[in-house]
C-alpha atoms as a PDB file:
ATOM      1  CA  MET A   1     -28.224  -2.579   4.222  1.00  0.00           C
ATOM      2  CA  ASN A   2     -28.074  -1.439   7.551  1.00  0.00           C
ATOM      3  CA  PRO A   3     -26.125   2.511   7.750  1.00  0.00           C
ATOM      4  CA  THR A   4     -23.690   1.849  10.258  1.00  0.00           C
ATOM      5  CA  LEU A   5     -22.587  -1.805   8.872  1.00  0.00           C
ATOM      6  CA  HIS A   6     -22.594  -0.145   6.041  1.00  0.00           C
ATOM      7  CA  THR A   7     -20.056   2.653   6.758  1.00  0.00           C
ATOM      8  CA  LEU A   8     -18.474  -0.882   8.679  1.00  0.00           C
ATOM      9  CA  LEU A   9     -17.891  -1.853   5.338  1.00  0.00           C
ATOM     10  CA  ARG A  10     -16.566   1.143   3.464  1.00  0.00           C
ATOM     11  CA  LEU A  11     -13.564   1.456   7.125  1.00  0.00           C
ATOM     12  CA  ARG A  12     -12.609  -1.415   6.197  1.00  0.00           C
ATOM     13  CA  ARG A  13     -12.296  -1.529   2.202  1.00  0.00           C
ATOM     14  CA  PHE A  14     -10.442   1.397   3.020  1.00  0.00           C
ATOM     15  CA  GLU A  15      -7.853   0.007   5.635  1.00  0.00           C
ATOM     16  CA  ALA A  16      -7.797  -3.086   3.366  1.00  0.00           C
ATOM     17  CA  ASP A  17      -6.569  -1.004   0.577  1.00  0.00           C
ATOM     18  CA  ALA A  18      -4.198   0.507   2.402  1.00  0.00           C
ATOM     19  CA  ALA A  19      -2.497  -2.099   3.629  1.00  0.00           C
ATOM     20  CA  ARG A  20      -2.028  -3.117   0.248  1.00  0.00           C
ATOM     21  CA  ARG A  21      -0.953   0.369  -0.458  1.00  0.00           C
ATOM     22  CA  ALA A  22       1.785  -0.245   2.874  1.00  0.00           C
ATOM     23  CA  LEU A  23       3.152  -3.232   1.071  1.00  0.00           C
ATOM     24  CA  ALA A  24       3.080  -2.354  -2.573  1.00  0.00           C
ATOM     25  CA  GLU A  25       5.864   0.575  -0.326  1.00  0.00           C
ATOM     26  CA  ALA A  26       7.618  -2.425   1.332  1.00  0.00           C
ATOM     27  CA  ILE A  27       7.764  -4.495  -1.613  1.00  0.00           C
ATOM     28  CA  ALA A  28       9.642  -1.704  -3.296  1.00  0.00           C
ATOM     29  CA  ALA A  29      11.750  -0.580  -0.509  1.00  0.00           C
ATOM     30  CA  GLU A  30      13.313  -4.755  -0.195  1.00  0.00           C
ATOM     31  CA  ALA A  31      13.925  -4.817  -3.404  1.00  0.00           C
ATOM     32  CA  ALA A  32      15.710  -1.684  -3.310  1.00  0.00           C
ATOM     33  CA  ALA A  33      17.663  -3.232  -0.413  1.00  0.00           C
ATOM     34  CA  ASP A  34      18.461  -6.570  -2.303  1.00  0.00           C
ATOM     35  CA  VAL A  35      19.816  -3.815  -5.000  1.00  0.00           C
ATOM     36  CA  ARG A  36      21.988  -1.898  -2.896  1.00  0.00           C
ATOM     37  CA  LEU A  37      23.076  -5.419  -1.000  1.00  0.00           C
ATOM     38  CA  GLU A  38      24.327  -6.730  -5.303  1.00  0.00           C
ATOM     39  CA  THR A  39      25.510  -3.791  -6.014  1.00  0.00           C
ATOM     40  CA  ALA A  40      27.788  -3.351  -2.803  1.00  0.00           C
ATOM     41  CA  ARG A  41      28.822  -7.533  -3.461  1.00  0.00           C
ATOM     42  CA  ALA A  42      29.893  -6.287  -6.825  1.00  0.00           C
ATOM     43  CA  ALA A  43      31.687  -3.376  -5.965  1.00  0.00           C
ATOM     44  CA  LEU A  44      34.151  -6.058  -3.520  1.00  0.00           C
ATOM     45  CA  HIS A  45      34.266  -8.637  -6.249  1.00  0.00           C
ATOM     46  CA  GLU A  46      35.718  -5.425  -8.737  1.00  0.00           C
ATOM     47  CA  GLU A  47      37.860  -4.507  -6.377  1.00  0.00           C
ATOM     48  CA  ALA A  48      39.241  -7.808  -5.274  1.00  0.00           C
ATOM     49  CA  LYS A  49      40.330  -8.626  -9.001  1.00  0.00           C
ATOM     50  CA  SER A  50      41.628  -5.177  -9.316  1.00  0.00           C
ATOM     51  CA  THR A  51      44.387  -7.496  -7.121  1.00  0.00           C
ATOM     52  CA  ASP A  52      45.611  -9.803 -10.156  1.00  0.00           C
ATOM     53  CA  GLU A  53      47.052  -7.394 -11.399  1.00  0.00           C
ATOM     54  CA  ASP A  54      49.065  -8.518  -8.336  1.00  0.00           C
ATOM     55  CA  THR A  55      50.842  -6.304  -7.541  1.00  0.00           C
ATOM     56  CA  LEU A  56      51.757  -3.481  -4.630  1.00  0.00           C
ATOM     57  CA  LEU A  57      49.917  -0.233  -5.126  1.00  0.00           C
ATOM     58  CA  ALA A  58      46.651  -2.319  -6.437  1.00  0.00           C
ATOM     59  CA  LEU A  59      46.985  -4.598  -3.180  1.00  0.00           C
ATOM     60  CA  GLN A  60      47.414  -1.261  -1.045  1.00  0.00           C
ATOM     61  CA  ASN A  61      44.366   0.152  -3.058  1.00  0.00           C
ATOM     62  CA  PHE A  62      42.089  -3.141  -2.451  1.00  0.00           C
ATOM     63  CA  ALA A  63      43.116  -2.899   1.577  1.00  0.00           C
ATOM     64  CA  ALA A  64      42.413   0.785   1.593  1.00  0.00           C
ATOM     65  CA  TRP A  65      38.834   0.053   0.264  1.00  0.00           C
ATOM     66  CA  LEU A  66      38.603  -3.192   1.753  1.00  0.00           C
ATOM     67  CA  PRO A  67      36.867  -1.801   5.179  1.00  0.00           C
ATOM     68  CA  ARG A  68      34.629   0.601   3.406  1.00  0.00           C
ATOM     69  CA  GLY A  69      33.544  -2.110   1.039  1.00  0.00           C
ATOM     70  CA  THR A  70      32.759  -4.272   3.572  1.00  0.00           C
ATOM     71  CA  ALA A  71      31.155  -1.669   6.050  1.00  0.00           C
ATOM     72  CA  ASP A  72      28.764  -0.964   2.469  1.00  0.00           C
ATOM     73  CA  ILE A  73      27.626  -4.529   2.558  1.00  0.00           C
ATOM     74  CA  GLN A  74      26.901  -5.143   5.787  1.00  0.00           C
ATOM     75  CA  ALA A  75      24.800  -1.800   5.897  1.00  0.00           C
ATOM     76  CA  ALA A  76      22.449  -3.273   2.707  1.00  0.00           C
ATOM     77  CA  SER A  77      22.656  -6.851   4.153  1.00  0.00           C
ATOM     78  CA  HIS A  78      21.065  -4.444   7.369  1.00  0.00           C
ATOM     79  CA  ALA A  79      18.971  -2.770   5.390  1.00  0.00           C
ATOM     80  CA  LEU A  80      17.831  -6.141   3.536  1.00  0.00           C
ATOM     81  CA  ALA A  81      16.529  -7.360   6.274  1.00  0.00           C
ATOM     82  CA  VAL A  82      14.571  -4.896   7.851  1.00  0.00           C
ATOM     83  CA  ALA A  83      13.005  -4.630   4.884  1.00  0.00           C
ATOM     84  CA  ALA A  84      12.144  -7.931   4.919  1.00  0.00           C
ATOM     85  CA  ARG A  85      11.035  -7.575   7.888  1.00  0.00           C
ATOM     86  CA  ALA A  86       9.025  -4.955   7.061  1.00  0.00           C
ATOM     87  CA  SER A  87       7.515  -6.264   4.138  1.00  0.00           C
ATOM     88  CA  ALA A  88       6.760  -9.401   6.817  1.00  0.00           C
ATOM     89  CA  ALA A  89       5.097  -7.391   8.770  1.00  0.00           C
ATOM     90  CA  ALA A  90       2.978  -5.311   6.460  1.00  0.00           C
ATOM     91  CA  ARG A  91       2.199  -8.648   4.919  1.00  0.00           C
ATOM     92  CA  ALA A  92       0.515  -9.862   8.288  1.00  0.00           C
ATOM     93  CA  ALA A  93      -1.180  -6.435   8.399  1.00  0.00           C
ATOM     94  CA  LEU A  94      -3.133  -7.053   5.085  1.00  0.00           C
ATOM     95  CA  ALA A  95      -4.096 -10.811   5.709  1.00  0.00           C
ATOM     96  CA  ASP A  96      -5.794  -9.114   9.215  1.00  0.00           C
ATOM     97  CA  ARG A  97      -7.149  -5.849   7.308  1.00  0.00           C
ATOM     98  CA  ARG A  98      -8.814  -8.561   4.361  1.00  0.00           C
ATOM     99  CA  ALA A  99      -9.702 -10.777   7.578  1.00  0.00           C
ATOM    100  CA  ALA A 100     -11.947  -7.816   8.924  1.00  0.00           C
ATOM    101  CA  LEU A 101     -13.086  -6.956   5.815  1.00  0.00           C
ATOM    102  CA  GLU A 102     -14.655 -10.432   5.797  1.00  0.00           C
ATOM    103  CA  ALA A 103     -15.961 -10.026   9.104  1.00  0.00           C
ATOM    104  CA  VAL A 104     -18.087  -7.399   8.100  1.00  0.00           C
ATOM    105  CA  GLU A 105     -18.732  -8.472   4.133  1.00  0.00           C
ATOM    106  CA  LYS A 106     -19.915 -11.947   6.497  1.00  0.00           C
ATOM    107  CA  ARG A 107     -22.256 -10.058   8.428  1.00  0.00           C
ATOM    108  CA  ILE A 108     -24.023  -7.967   5.543  1.00  0.00           C
ATOM    109  CA  GLU A 109     -24.638 -11.338   4.400  1.00  0.00           C
ATOM    110  CA  ALA A 110     -25.756 -13.217   7.785  1.00  0.00           C
ATOM    111  CA  ALA A 111     -28.331  -9.745   7.776  1.00  0.00           C
ATOM    112  CA  ALA A 112     -29.423  -9.906   4.501  1.00  0.00           C
ATOM    113  CA  ARG A 113     -30.444 -13.103   4.631  1.00  0.00           C
ATOM    114  CA  THR A 114     -31.808 -12.680   8.656  1.00  0.00           C
ATOM    115  CA  ASP A 115     -33.994  -9.790   6.388  1.00  0.00           C
ATOM    116  CA  ARG A 116     -35.216 -12.288   3.619  1.00  0.00           C
ATOM    117  CA  GLN A 117     -35.855 -14.757   6.092  1.00  0.00           C
ATOM    118  CA  ASP A 118     -38.139 -12.426   8.221  1.00  0.00           C
ATOM    119  CA  ALA A 119     -39.977 -11.236   4.521  1.00  0.00           C
ATOM    120  CA  ALA A 120     -40.659 -14.796   3.822  1.00  0.00           C
ATOM    121  CA  ARG A 121     -42.186 -15.000   7.122  1.00  0.00           C
ATOM    122  CA  ARG A 122     -43.512 -11.849   7.103  1.00  0.00           C
ATOM    123  CA  GLU A 123     -45.144 -12.964   3.606  1.00  0.00           C
ATOM    124  CA  ALA A 124     -46.062 -16.746   4.873  1.00  0.00           C
ATOM    125  CA  HIS A 125     -48.531 -15.193   7.798  1.00  0.00           C
ATOM    126  CA  ALA A 126     -50.003 -12.090   5.962  1.00  0.00           C
ATOM    127  CA  LEU A 127     -50.487 -15.713   3.363  1.00  0.00           C
ATOM    128  CA  ASP A 128     -52.679 -17.898   6.402  1.00  0.00           C
ATOM    129  CA  GLU A 129     -54.448 -14.741   7.605  1.00  0.00           C
ATOM    130  CA  ILE A 130     -55.890 -14.356   3.537  1.00  0.00           C
ATOM    131  CA  PHE A 131     -56.514 -18.208   3.563  1.00  0.00           C
ATOM    132  CA  ARG A 132     -58.240 -18.266   7.215  1.00  0.00           C
ATOM    133  CA  ALA A 133     -60.467 -15.275   6.687  1.00  0.00           C
ATOM    134  CA  THR A 134     -61.715 -16.822   3.314  1.00  0.00           C
ATOM    135  CA  ARG A 135     -61.935 -19.663   4.725  1.00  0.00           C
ATOM    136  CA  SER A 136     -64.381 -18.869   7.487  1.00  0.00           C
ATOM    137  CA  GLY A 137     -66.444 -16.795   6.356  1.00  0.00           C
ATOM    138  CA  GLY A 138     -65.432 -15.304   2.982  1.00  0.00           C
END
Protein backbone atom coordinates (compact mmCIF):
# COMPACT_ATOMS: atom_id res chain seq x y z
CA MET A 1 0.00 0.00 0.00
CA ASN A 2 1.12 3.49 -0.76
CA PRO A 3 2.61 4.95 2.46
CA THR A 4 0.84 8.27 1.88
CA LEU A 5 -2.52 6.55 1.50
CA HIS A 6 -1.80 4.42 4.55
CA THR A 7 -1.06 7.54 6.60
CA LEU A 8 -4.18 9.24 5.26
CA LEU A 9 -6.24 6.14 6.10
CA ARG A 10 -4.99 6.20 9.68
CA LEU A 11 -5.78 9.91 9.94
CA ARG A 12 -9.30 9.43 8.56
CA ARG A 13 -9.93 6.55 10.97
CA PHE A 14 -8.73 8.72 13.86
CA GLU A 15 -11.02 11.55 12.74
CA ALA A 16 -14.00 9.20 12.41
CA ASP A 17 -13.35 7.79 15.90
CA ALA A 18 -13.11 11.30 17.32
CA ALA A 19 -16.37 12.24 15.59
CA ARG A 20 -18.06 9.14 17.07
CA ARG A 21 -16.90 10.14 20.55
CA ALA A 22 -18.08 13.72 20.02
CA LEU A 23 -21.48 12.44 18.91
CA ALA A 24 -21.75 10.20 21.97
CA GLU A 25 -20.94 13.18 24.21
CA ALA A 26 -23.47 15.37 22.38
CA ILE A 27 -26.18 12.73 22.72
CA ALA A 28 -25.41 12.40 26.44
CA ALA A 29 -25.60 16.18 26.87
CA GLU A 30 -28.90 16.25 25.00
CA ALA A 31 -30.29 13.49 27.22
CA ALA A 32 -29.17 15.38 30.34
CA ALA A 33 -30.82 18.56 29.04
CA ASP A 34 -34.00 16.62 28.39
CA VAL A 35 -33.97 15.27 31.95
CA ARG A 36 -33.42 18.82 33.25
CA LEU A 37 -36.44 20.05 31.28
CA GLU A 38 -38.64 17.20 32.46
CA THR A 39 -37.52 17.85 36.05
CA ALA A 40 -38.41 21.54 35.73
CA ARG A 41 -41.80 20.68 34.27
CA ALA A 42 -42.43 18.15 37.03
CA ALA A 43 -41.54 20.79 39.63
CA LEU A 44 -44.09 23.15 38.07
CA HIS A 45 -46.68 20.40 38.17
CA GLU A 46 -45.93 19.64 41.83
CA GLU A 47 -46.03 23.29 42.81
CA ALA A 48 -49.31 23.73 40.96
CA LYS A 49 -50.75 20.72 42.80
CA SER A 50 -49.90 22.39 46.09
CA THR A 51 -52.40 25.09 45.21
CA ASP A 52 -55.16 22.47 45.31
CA GLU A 53 -55.41 23.22 48.99
CA ASP A 54 -56.95 26.47 47.88
CA THR A 55 -55.52 28.39 50.77
CA LEU A 56 -54.22 31.89 50.47
CA LEU A 57 -50.79 30.78 51.72
CA ALA A 58 -50.57 28.02 49.09
CA LEU A 59 -51.49 30.48 46.34
CA GLN A 60 -49.00 33.05 47.63
CA ASN A 61 -46.25 30.44 47.78
CA PHE A 62 -47.02 29.31 44.24
CA ALA A 63 -47.12 32.89 42.99
CA ALA A 64 -43.76 33.56 44.61
CA TRP A 65 -42.26 30.37 43.16
CA LEU A 66 -43.76 30.67 39.65
CA PRO A 67 -41.25 33.17 38.16
CA ARG A 68 -38.34 30.97 39.21
CA GLY A 69 -40.10 27.82 38.00
CA THR A 70 -40.94 29.41 34.68
CA ALA A 71 -37.37 30.64 34.31
CA ASP A 72 -36.08 27.13 35.06
CA ILE A 73 -38.33 25.68 32.37
CA GLN A 74 -37.28 28.31 29.85
CA ALA A 75 -33.59 27.79 30.63
CA ALA A 76 -33.94 24.02 30.42
CA SER A 77 -35.85 24.30 27.16
CA HIS A 78 -33.16 26.56 25.72
CA ALA A 79 -30.42 24.19 26.91
CA LEU A 80 -32.24 21.29 25.26
CA ALA A 81 -32.51 23.19 21.97
CA VAL A 82 -28.80 24.03 22.08
CA ALA A 83 -27.93 20.41 22.89
CA ALA A 84 -30.16 19.16 20.06
CA ARG A 85 -28.39 21.48 17.60
CA ALA A 86 -25.03 20.24 18.89
CA SER A 87 -26.15 16.63 18.40
CA ALA A 88 -27.28 17.39 14.86
CA ALA A 89 -23.94 19.07 14.11
CA ALA A 90 -22.07 16.11 15.59
CA ARG A 91 -24.12 13.71 13.44
CA ALA A 92 -23.29 15.76 10.33
CA ALA A 93 -19.61 15.86 11.28
CA LEU A 94 -19.57 12.09 11.74
CA ALA A 95 -21.21 11.63 8.34
CA ASP A 96 -18.53 13.85 6.79
CA ARG A 97 -15.74 11.93 8.52
CA ARG A 98 -17.22 8.61 7.41
CA ALA A 99 -17.45 9.87 3.82
CA ALA A 100 -13.82 10.99 3.93
CA LEU A 101 -12.77 7.61 5.32
CA GLU A 102 -14.74 5.77 2.63
CA ALA A 103 -13.14 7.92 -0.07
CA VAL A 104 -9.66 6.93 1.12
CA GLU A 105 -10.66 3.28 1.40
CA LYS A 106 -12.00 3.37 -2.18
CA ARG A 107 -8.81 5.05 -3.38
CA ILE A 108 -6.76 2.32 -1.70
CA GLU A 109 -8.94 -0.36 -3.29
CA ALA A 110 -8.55 1.29 -6.71
CA ALA A 111 -4.77 1.49 -6.27
CA ALA A 112 -4.63 -2.17 -5.26
CA ARG A 113 -6.77 -3.12 -8.25
CA THR A 114 -4.46 -1.13 -10.54
CA ASP A 115 -1.43 -2.82 -8.98
CA ARG A 116 -2.98 -6.25 -9.58
CA GLN A 117 -3.82 -5.37 -13.17
CA ASP A 118 -0.29 -4.07 -13.77
CA ALA A 119 1.17 -7.25 -12.29
CA ALA A 120 -1.10 -9.37 -14.50
CA ARG A 121 -0.01 -7.37 -17.57
CA ARG A 122 3.67 -7.79 -16.67
CA GLU A 123 3.14 -11.51 -16.20
CA ALA A 124 1.29 -11.80 -19.52
CA HIS A 125 4.03 -9.82 -21.24
CA ALA A 126 6.71 -12.07 -19.72
CA LEU A 127 4.80 -15.18 -20.84
CA ASP A 128 4.48 -13.71 -24.33
CA GLU A 129 8.23 -13.10 -24.38
CA ILE A 130 8.92 -16.66 -23.27
CA PHE A 131 6.53 -18.01 -25.90
CA ARG A 132 8.14 -15.92 -28.66
CA ALA A 133 11.60 -16.97 -27.56
CA THR A 134 10.67 -20.67 -27.61
CA ARG A 135 8.96 -20.37 -31.03
CA SER A 136 11.76 -18.47 -32.69
CA GLY A 137 14.76 -20.31 -31.51
CA GLY A 138 14.27 -22.53 -28.69
